[in-house]
Amino acid sequence: MYSALDIAKYVIDYSNRRDTPVSNLQLQKILYYIQMNFYRHLNKPAFNEDIEAWRYGPVVSSVYNVYCMYGASDICLMYPEVRTIFSGRESEIANWVIRACIAVGAWELVEKSHIKDGPWDKTYKGGLGDKEVIPKEEIIAYAVGKR
């Protein structure tokens, strides 16, 4: 298992090497989908940090806090030290998720993360429920199709 921040750095570095930088909003959704796909394909989490239900979708707050200064702008940083953090299959999954997510717009990612009866939808309760932790069990059940 890795830290969410190391995976975020991997995502940022990978996307910038492909000339498709991501914003913090996109980064948050990519982390969510990497976590979900690690559960789906590897039966394990990619990281242990909680994912919270915020207004615009799932967020890892510790990572959000590091990159929030970029606002809606692209995060144009390189992190060569994290390029080899994943094993072969892990790397395939992470890279596939990143490519799939950067192929659509940030707001489409938000919409997809808000899918009815998905983990975010079951957790988010509007203004009062903002920043509630999405139960890992909900993410796992959704990822492996046991809803």
N, C-alpha and C. Protein backbone atom coordinates (compact mmCIF):
# COMPACT_ATOMS: atom_id res chain seq x y z
N MET A 1 0.84 -1.18 0.00
CA MET A 1 0.00 0.00 0.00
C MET A 1 0.89 1.24 0.00
N TYR A 2 0.39 2.27 -0.61
CA TYR A 2 1.15 3.51 -0.79
C TYR A 2 0.45 4.65 -0.07
N SER A 3 1.11 5.78 0.03
CA SER A 3 0.44 6.96 0.57
C SER A 3 -0.33 7.62 -0.57
N ALA A 4 -1.44 8.23 -0.22
CA ALA A 4 -2.23 8.93 -1.24
C ALA A 4 -1.42 10.05 -1.88
N LEU A 5 -0.56 10.70 -1.10
CA LEU A 5 0.26 11.78 -1.65
C LEU A 5 1.26 11.25 -2.67
N ASP A 6 1.87 10.10 -2.41
CA ASP A 6 2.78 9.52 -3.40
C ASP A 6 2.04 9.14 -4.68
N ILE A 7 0.83 8.61 -4.54
CA ILE A 7 0.06 8.28 -5.73
C ILE A 7 -0.34 9.55 -6.47
N ALA A 8 -0.70 10.59 -5.73
CA ALA A 8 -1.02 11.87 -6.37
C ALA A 8 0.17 12.39 -7.15
N LYS A 9 1.35 12.30 -6.58
CA LYS A 9 2.56 12.74 -7.29
C LYS A 9 2.76 11.90 -8.55
N TYR A 10 2.50 10.60 -8.45
CA TYR A 10 2.61 9.72 -9.61
C TYR A 10 1.64 10.17 -10.71
N VAL A 11 0.40 10.45 -10.33
CA VAL A 11 -0.62 10.90 -11.28
C VAL A 11 -0.18 12.20 -11.95
N ILE A 12 0.27 13.14 -11.15
CA ILE A 12 0.70 14.45 -11.69
C ILE A 12 1.87 14.27 -12.64
N ASP A 13 2.86 13.51 -12.23
CA ASP A 13 4.04 13.28 -13.06
C ASP A 13 3.65 12.57 -14.36
N TYR A 14 2.88 11.50 -14.24
CA TYR A 14 2.47 10.72 -15.42
C TYR A 14 1.69 11.60 -16.39
N SER A 15 0.74 12.35 -15.89
CA SER A 15 -0.08 13.17 -16.79
C SER A 15 0.75 14.28 -17.44
N ASN A 16 1.69 14.85 -16.72
CA ASN A 16 2.54 15.88 -17.32
C ASN A 16 3.49 15.31 -18.36
N ARG A 17 3.98 14.10 -18.15
CA ARG A 17 4.84 13.47 -19.15
C ARG A 17 4.06 13.16 -20.43
N ARG A 18 2.75 13.05 -20.32
CA ARG A 18 1.89 12.82 -21.49
C ARG A 18 1.34 14.13 -22.04
N ASP A 19 1.83 15.26 -21.52
CA ASP A 19 1.36 16.59 -21.93
C ASP A 19 -0.13 16.78 -21.72
N THR A 20 -0.64 16.19 -20.64
CA THR A 20 -2.05 16.33 -20.28
C THR A 20 -2.15 16.60 -18.77
N PRO A 21 -1.66 17.76 -18.33
CA PRO A 21 -1.66 18.03 -16.89
C PRO A 21 -3.07 18.03 -16.31
N VAL A 22 -3.14 17.76 -15.01
CA VAL A 22 -4.43 17.69 -14.31
C VAL A 22 -4.57 18.83 -13.31
N SER A 23 -5.81 19.16 -13.04
CA SER A 23 -6.13 20.11 -11.97
C SER A 23 -6.32 19.33 -10.67
N ASN A 24 -6.44 20.04 -9.58
CA ASN A 24 -6.69 19.38 -8.30
C ASN A 24 -8.03 18.65 -8.33
N LEU A 25 -9.02 19.21 -8.99
CA LEU A 25 -10.32 18.56 -9.10
C LEU A 25 -10.19 17.22 -9.82
N GLN A 26 -9.48 17.21 -10.94
CA GLN A 26 -9.26 15.96 -11.67
C GLN A 26 -8.44 14.98 -10.83
N LEU A 27 -7.43 15.49 -10.19
CA LEU A 27 -6.56 14.64 -9.37
C LEU A 27 -7.37 13.88 -8.32
N GLN A 28 -8.29 14.57 -7.68
CA GLN A 28 -9.10 13.94 -6.64
C GLN A 28 -9.93 12.79 -7.19
N LYS A 29 -10.52 13.00 -8.35
CA LYS A 29 -11.34 11.94 -8.95
C LYS A 29 -10.46 10.78 -9.42
N ILE A 30 -9.30 11.09 -9.94
CA ILE A 30 -8.38 10.03 -10.37
C ILE A 30 -7.96 9.18 -9.18
N LEU A 31 -7.67 9.81 -8.05
CA LEU A 31 -7.32 9.04 -6.85
C LEU A 31 -8.45 8.10 -6.45
N TYR A 32 -9.68 8.61 -6.51
CA TYR A 32 -10.87 7.82 -6.19
C TYR A 32 -10.96 6.60 -7.11
N TYR A 33 -10.78 6.81 -8.39
CA TYR A 33 -10.90 5.71 -9.34
C TYR A 33 -9.70 4.75 -9.28
N ILE A 34 -8.54 5.25 -8.93
CA ILE A 34 -7.40 4.33 -8.70
C ILE A 34 -7.71 3.45 -7.50
N GLN A 35 -8.20 4.05 -6.42
CA GLN A 35 -8.54 3.26 -5.23
C GLN A 35 -9.59 2.20 -5.60
N MET A 36 -10.62 2.59 -6.30
CA MET A 36 -11.68 1.67 -6.67
C MET A 36 -11.15 0.53 -7.54
N ASN A 37 -10.27 0.86 -8.48
CA ASN A 37 -9.76 -0.17 -9.38
C ASN A 37 -8.72 -1.07 -8.73
N PHE A 38 -8.01 -0.59 -7.72
CA PHE A 38 -7.16 -1.49 -6.94
C PHE A 38 -8.02 -2.51 -6.21
N TYR A 39 -9.11 -2.06 -5.60
CA TYR A 39 -10.03 -3.00 -4.96
C TYR A 39 -10.60 -3.98 -5.97
N ARG A 40 -11.03 -3.47 -7.13
CA ARG A 40 -11.68 -4.30 -8.15
C ARG A 40 -10.74 -5.35 -8.73
N HIS A 41 -9.52 -4.94 -9.06
CA HIS A 41 -8.62 -5.84 -9.79
C HIS A 41 -7.56 -6.52 -8.92
N LEU A 42 -7.22 -5.92 -7.79
CA LEU A 42 -6.15 -6.47 -6.95
C LEU A 42 -6.63 -6.89 -5.56
N ASN A 43 -7.90 -6.59 -5.28
CA ASN A 43 -8.48 -6.94 -3.98
C ASN A 43 -7.72 -6.32 -2.80
N LYS A 44 -7.23 -5.10 -3.02
CA LYS A 44 -6.52 -4.38 -1.97
C LYS A 44 -6.62 -2.88 -2.25
N PRO A 45 -6.42 -2.07 -1.21
CA PRO A 45 -6.45 -0.62 -1.43
C PRO A 45 -5.13 -0.14 -2.02
N ALA A 46 -5.20 0.97 -2.73
CA ALA A 46 -3.98 1.62 -3.22
C ALA A 46 -3.36 2.45 -2.10
N PHE A 47 -4.22 3.02 -1.25
CA PHE A 47 -3.77 3.86 -0.14
C PHE A 47 -4.75 3.71 1.02
N ASN A 48 -4.32 4.11 2.20
CA ASN A 48 -5.13 3.92 3.40
C ASN A 48 -5.90 5.16 3.82
N GLU A 49 -5.56 6.33 3.30
CA GLU A 49 -6.22 7.56 3.71
C GLU A 49 -7.71 7.50 3.35
N ASP A 50 -8.51 8.18 4.17
CA ASP A 50 -9.94 8.24 3.92
C ASP A 50 -10.24 9.09 2.69
N ILE A 51 -11.33 8.75 2.04
CA ILE A 51 -11.88 9.55 0.95
C ILE A 51 -13.16 10.17 1.49
N GLU A 52 -13.29 11.46 1.33
CA GLU A 52 -14.46 12.17 1.86
C GLU A 52 -15.40 12.58 0.73
N ALA A 53 -16.68 12.72 1.09
CA ALA A 53 -17.69 13.17 0.14
C ALA A 53 -17.82 14.68 0.25
N TRP A 54 -17.28 15.38 -0.74
CA TRP A 54 -17.38 16.84 -0.82
C TRP A 54 -18.38 17.19 -1.91
N ARG A 55 -18.74 18.43 -1.99
CA ARG A 55 -19.75 18.89 -2.95
C ARG A 55 -19.46 18.42 -4.37
N TYR A 56 -18.20 18.53 -4.80
CA TYR A 56 -17.86 18.18 -6.17
C TYR A 56 -17.26 16.78 -6.29
N GLY A 57 -17.59 15.93 -5.35
CA GLY A 57 -17.19 14.54 -5.45
C GLY A 57 -16.22 14.09 -4.38
N PRO A 58 -15.67 12.90 -4.58
CA PRO A 58 -14.74 12.32 -3.61
C PRO A 58 -13.43 13.09 -3.53
N VAL A 59 -12.92 13.25 -2.31
CA VAL A 59 -11.70 14.01 -2.08
C VAL A 59 -10.86 13.34 -0.99
N VAL A 60 -9.57 13.26 -1.21
CA VAL A 60 -8.61 12.89 -0.17
C VAL A 60 -8.09 14.22 0.37
N SER A 61 -8.56 14.61 1.55
CA SER A 61 -8.31 15.97 2.03
C SER A 61 -6.84 16.28 2.22
N SER A 62 -6.04 15.30 2.63
CA SER A 62 -4.61 15.57 2.83
C SER A 62 -3.94 15.94 1.50
N VAL A 63 -4.35 15.32 0.41
CA VAL A 63 -3.81 15.63 -0.91
C VAL A 63 -4.40 16.95 -1.40
N TYR A 64 -5.68 17.14 -1.18
CA TYR A 64 -6.32 18.40 -1.58
C TYR A 64 -5.57 19.59 -0.96
N ASN A 65 -5.25 19.47 0.31
CA ASN A 65 -4.58 20.57 1.01
C ASN A 65 -3.21 20.90 0.44
N VAL A 66 -2.52 19.93 -0.09
CA VAL A 66 -1.21 20.16 -0.70
C VAL A 66 -1.34 20.93 -2.01
N TYR A 67 -2.38 20.63 -2.81
CA TYR A 67 -2.49 21.19 -4.15
C TYR A 67 -3.60 22.24 -4.31
N CYS A 68 -4.29 22.59 -3.24
CA CYS A 68 -5.41 23.55 -3.37
C CYS A 68 -4.95 24.92 -3.84
N MET A 69 -3.69 25.24 -3.65
CA MET A 69 -3.18 26.54 -4.09
C MET A 69 -3.27 26.71 -5.61
N TYR A 70 -3.41 25.60 -6.34
CA TYR A 70 -3.49 25.67 -7.80
C TYR A 70 -4.89 26.02 -8.28
N GLY A 71 -5.86 25.99 -7.38
CA GLY A 71 -7.23 26.29 -7.77
C GLY A 71 -7.64 25.39 -8.92
N ALA A 72 -8.20 25.97 -9.97
CA ALA A 72 -8.63 25.20 -11.14
C ALA A 72 -7.53 25.07 -12.19
N SER A 73 -6.36 25.60 -11.90
CA SER A 73 -5.25 25.54 -12.85
C SER A 73 -4.60 24.17 -12.88
N ASP A 74 -3.91 23.90 -13.98
CA ASP A 74 -3.17 22.65 -14.10
C ASP A 74 -2.02 22.63 -13.10
N ILE A 75 -1.73 21.44 -12.58
CA ILE A 75 -0.59 21.24 -11.69
C ILE A 75 0.56 20.76 -12.57
N CYS A 76 1.47 21.65 -12.87
CA CYS A 76 2.56 21.35 -13.81
C CYS A 76 3.85 21.07 -13.05
N LEU A 77 3.89 19.93 -12.39
CA LEU A 77 5.07 19.53 -11.61
C LEU A 77 5.53 18.17 -12.10
N MET A 78 6.79 17.89 -11.86
CA MET A 78 7.34 16.58 -12.20
C MET A 78 7.87 15.94 -10.92
N TYR A 79 7.65 14.65 -10.79
CA TYR A 79 8.09 13.89 -9.62
C TYR A 79 8.77 12.60 -10.08
N PRO A 80 9.98 12.69 -10.63
CA PRO A 80 10.62 11.46 -11.13
C PRO A 80 10.85 10.40 -10.06
N GLU A 81 10.91 10.81 -8.80
CA GLU A 81 11.18 9.85 -7.72
C GLU A 81 10.04 8.86 -7.50
N VAL A 82 8.84 9.13 -8.02
CA VAL A 82 7.72 8.21 -7.81
C VAL A 82 7.39 7.38 -9.05
N ARG A 83 8.16 7.49 -10.08
CA ARG A 83 7.84 6.80 -11.34
C ARG A 83 7.88 5.29 -11.23
N THR A 84 8.57 4.77 -10.25
CA THR A 84 8.70 3.32 -10.11
C THR A 84 8.07 2.80 -8.82
N ILE A 85 7.12 3.52 -8.25
CA ILE A 85 6.55 3.06 -6.97
C ILE A 85 5.67 1.83 -7.13
N PHE A 86 5.03 1.67 -8.28
CA PHE A 86 4.11 0.56 -8.47
C PHE A 86 4.78 -0.66 -9.07
N SER A 87 4.24 -1.84 -8.74
CA SER A 87 4.65 -3.07 -9.42
C SER A 87 4.04 -3.06 -10.81
N GLY A 88 4.35 -4.05 -11.61
CA GLY A 88 3.87 -4.10 -12.99
C GLY A 88 2.37 -3.99 -13.13
N ARG A 89 1.60 -4.86 -12.48
CA ARG A 89 0.13 -4.85 -12.59
C ARG A 89 -0.46 -3.58 -11.98
N GLU A 90 0.09 -3.15 -10.86
CA GLU A 90 -0.38 -1.90 -10.23
C GLU A 90 -0.18 -0.72 -11.17
N SER A 91 0.96 -0.68 -11.81
CA SER A 91 1.27 0.38 -12.75
C SER A 91 0.29 0.36 -13.93
N GLU A 92 -0.01 -0.82 -14.45
CA GLU A 92 -0.96 -0.95 -15.55
C GLU A 92 -2.32 -0.38 -15.16
N ILE A 93 -2.78 -0.72 -13.97
CA ILE A 93 -4.09 -0.25 -13.50
C ILE A 93 -4.08 1.26 -13.31
N ALA A 94 -3.07 1.76 -12.61
CA ALA A 94 -2.98 3.20 -12.36
C ALA A 94 -2.91 3.97 -13.67
N ASN A 95 -2.06 3.53 -14.58
CA ASN A 95 -1.91 4.23 -15.85
C ASN A 95 -3.19 4.20 -16.68
N TRP A 96 -3.88 3.06 -16.67
CA TRP A 96 -5.15 2.95 -17.38
C TRP A 96 -6.17 3.93 -16.81
N VAL A 97 -6.27 4.00 -15.48
CA VAL A 97 -7.22 4.93 -14.85
C VAL A 97 -6.87 6.37 -15.20
N ILE A 98 -5.59 6.71 -15.11
CA ILE A 98 -5.17 8.09 -15.41
C ILE A 98 -5.53 8.45 -16.84
N ARG A 99 -5.18 7.57 -17.79
CA ARG A 99 -5.48 7.85 -19.20
C ARG A 99 -6.99 7.99 -19.43
N ALA A 100 -7.77 7.11 -18.83
CA ALA A 100 -9.22 7.17 -18.99
C ALA A 100 -9.80 8.46 -18.42
N CYS A 101 -9.28 8.87 -17.28
CA CYS A 101 -9.81 10.07 -16.62
C CYS A 101 -9.38 11.36 -17.31
N ILE A 102 -8.16 11.41 -17.81
CA ILE A 102 -7.74 12.64 -18.47
C ILE A 102 -8.33 12.77 -19.87
N ALA A 103 -8.93 11.69 -20.36
CA ALA A 103 -9.58 11.74 -21.67
C ALA A 103 -10.93 12.44 -21.61
N VAL A 104 -11.46 12.63 -20.41
CA VAL A 104 -12.73 13.34 -20.24
C VAL A 104 -12.48 14.60 -19.43
N GLY A 105 -13.40 15.51 -19.46
CA GLY A 105 -13.25 16.76 -18.72
C GLY A 105 -13.43 16.59 -17.23
N ALA A 106 -12.94 17.56 -16.48
CA ALA A 106 -13.03 17.54 -15.03
C ALA A 106 -14.48 17.44 -14.57
N TRP A 107 -15.36 18.17 -15.21
CA TRP A 107 -16.76 18.18 -14.77
C TRP A 107 -17.48 16.89 -15.12
N GLU A 108 -17.04 16.22 -16.17
CA GLU A 108 -17.59 14.90 -16.45
C GLU A 108 -17.14 13.90 -15.39
N LEU A 109 -15.91 14.04 -14.91
CA LEU A 109 -15.45 13.19 -13.82
C LEU A 109 -16.28 13.42 -12.56
N VAL A 110 -16.59 14.68 -12.30
CA VAL A 110 -17.43 15.00 -11.15
C VAL A 110 -18.78 14.30 -11.30
N GLU A 111 -19.37 14.44 -12.48
CA GLU A 111 -20.68 13.83 -12.73
C GLU A 111 -20.62 12.31 -12.55
N LYS A 112 -19.59 11.69 -13.09
CA LYS A 112 -19.44 10.23 -12.97
C LYS A 112 -19.27 9.81 -11.51
N SER A 113 -18.56 10.61 -10.74
CA SER A 113 -18.35 10.26 -9.33
C SER A 113 -19.63 10.42 -8.50
N HIS A 114 -20.62 11.12 -9.06
CA HIS A 114 -21.90 11.35 -8.37
C HIS A 114 -22.96 10.32 -8.77
N ILE A 115 -22.57 9.24 -9.38
CA ILE A 115 -23.53 8.25 -9.88
C ILE A 115 -24.50 7.82 -8.78
N LYS A 116 -25.78 7.70 -9.16
CA LYS A 116 -26.82 7.33 -8.21
C LYS A 116 -26.50 5.98 -7.56
N ASP A 117 -26.64 5.95 -6.26
CA ASP A 117 -26.37 4.77 -5.42
C ASP A 117 -24.90 4.38 -5.37
N GLY A 118 -24.02 5.25 -5.87
CA GLY A 118 -22.59 5.02 -5.73
C GLY A 118 -22.13 5.45 -4.34
N PRO A 119 -20.88 5.19 -4.01
CA PRO A 119 -20.36 5.53 -2.68
C PRO A 119 -20.50 7.01 -2.30
N TRP A 120 -20.21 7.92 -3.25
CA TRP A 120 -20.36 9.34 -2.95
C TRP A 120 -21.82 9.67 -2.70
N ASP A 121 -22.70 9.20 -3.58
CA ASP A 121 -24.13 9.49 -3.47
C ASP A 121 -24.71 8.99 -2.15
N LYS A 122 -24.28 7.84 -1.70
CA LYS A 122 -24.79 7.27 -0.45
C LYS A 122 -24.28 8.03 0.77
N THR A 123 -23.19 8.76 0.61
CA THR A 123 -22.56 9.45 1.74
C THR A 123 -22.90 10.93 1.79
N TYR A 124 -22.91 11.59 0.66
CA TYR A 124 -23.08 13.04 0.63
C TYR A 124 -24.51 13.43 0.99
N LYS A 125 -24.64 14.36 1.92
CA LYS A 125 -25.95 14.79 2.39
C LYS A 125 -26.15 16.29 2.20
N GLY A 126 -25.56 16.86 1.19
CA GLY A 126 -25.68 18.30 0.99
C GLY A 126 -24.74 19.04 1.92
N GLY A 127 -25.05 20.30 2.18
CA GLY A 127 -24.18 21.13 3.01
C GLY A 127 -23.86 20.54 4.36
N LEU A 128 -24.85 19.89 4.98
CA LEU A 128 -24.62 19.31 6.30
C LEU A 128 -23.75 18.07 6.25
N GLY A 129 -23.78 17.36 5.13
CA GLY A 129 -23.01 16.13 5.01
C GLY A 129 -21.68 16.31 4.31
N ASP A 130 -21.36 17.56 4.00
CA ASP A 130 -20.11 17.83 3.29
C ASP A 130 -18.93 17.36 4.12
N LYS A 131 -18.01 16.70 3.46
CA LYS A 131 -16.76 16.24 4.04
C LYS A 131 -16.94 15.07 5.01
N GLU A 132 -17.99 14.29 4.79
CA GLU A 132 -18.15 13.04 5.52
C GLU A 132 -17.27 11.98 4.89
N VAL A 133 -16.69 11.11 5.69
CA VAL A 133 -15.86 10.03 5.16
C VAL A 133 -16.75 9.02 4.43
N ILE A 134 -16.36 8.68 3.22
CA ILE A 134 -17.05 7.63 2.48
C ILE A 134 -16.56 6.30 3.05
N PRO A 135 -17.46 5.49 3.60
CA PRO A 135 -17.00 4.22 4.19
C PRO A 135 -16.26 3.35 3.17
N LYS A 136 -15.13 2.83 3.59
CA LYS A 136 -14.34 1.97 2.70
C LYS A 136 -15.18 0.78 2.22
N GLU A 137 -16.07 0.31 3.08
CA GLU A 137 -16.93 -0.82 2.71
C GLU A 137 -17.82 -0.46 1.52
N GLU A 138 -18.27 0.79 1.45
CA GLU A 138 -19.09 1.24 0.32
C GLU A 138 -18.27 1.25 -0.97
N ILE A 139 -17.04 1.72 -0.86
CA ILE A 139 -16.16 1.76 -2.04
C ILE A 139 -15.85 0.35 -2.51
N ILE A 140 -15.54 -0.53 -1.58
CA ILE A 140 -15.23 -1.92 -1.93
C ILE A 140 -16.44 -2.60 -2.57
N ALA A 141 -17.60 -2.47 -1.92
CA ALA A 141 -18.81 -3.11 -2.44
C ALA A 141 -19.14 -2.62 -3.84
N TYR A 142 -19.01 -1.32 -4.06
CA TYR A 142 -19.27 -0.76 -5.39
C TYR A 142 -18.23 -1.25 -6.40
N ALA A 143 -16.98 -1.28 -5.98
CA ALA A 143 -15.89 -1.67 -6.87
C ALA A 143 -16.02 -3.11 -7.35
N VAL A 144 -16.43 -3.97 -6.45
CA VAL A 144 -16.51 -5.40 -6.82
C VAL A 144 -17.93 -5.83 -7.19
N GLY A 145 -18.85 -4.87 -7.24
CA GLY A 145 -20.19 -5.16 -7.73
C GLY A 145 -21.12 -5.80 -6.74
N LYS A 146 -20.89 -5.59 -5.44
CA LYS A 146 -21.77 -6.19 -4.42
C LYS A 146 -22.67 -5.12 -3.79
N ARG A 147 -23.30 -4.31 -4.62
CA ARG A 147 -24.16 -3.25 -4.09
C ARG A 147 -25.50 -3.79 -3.71
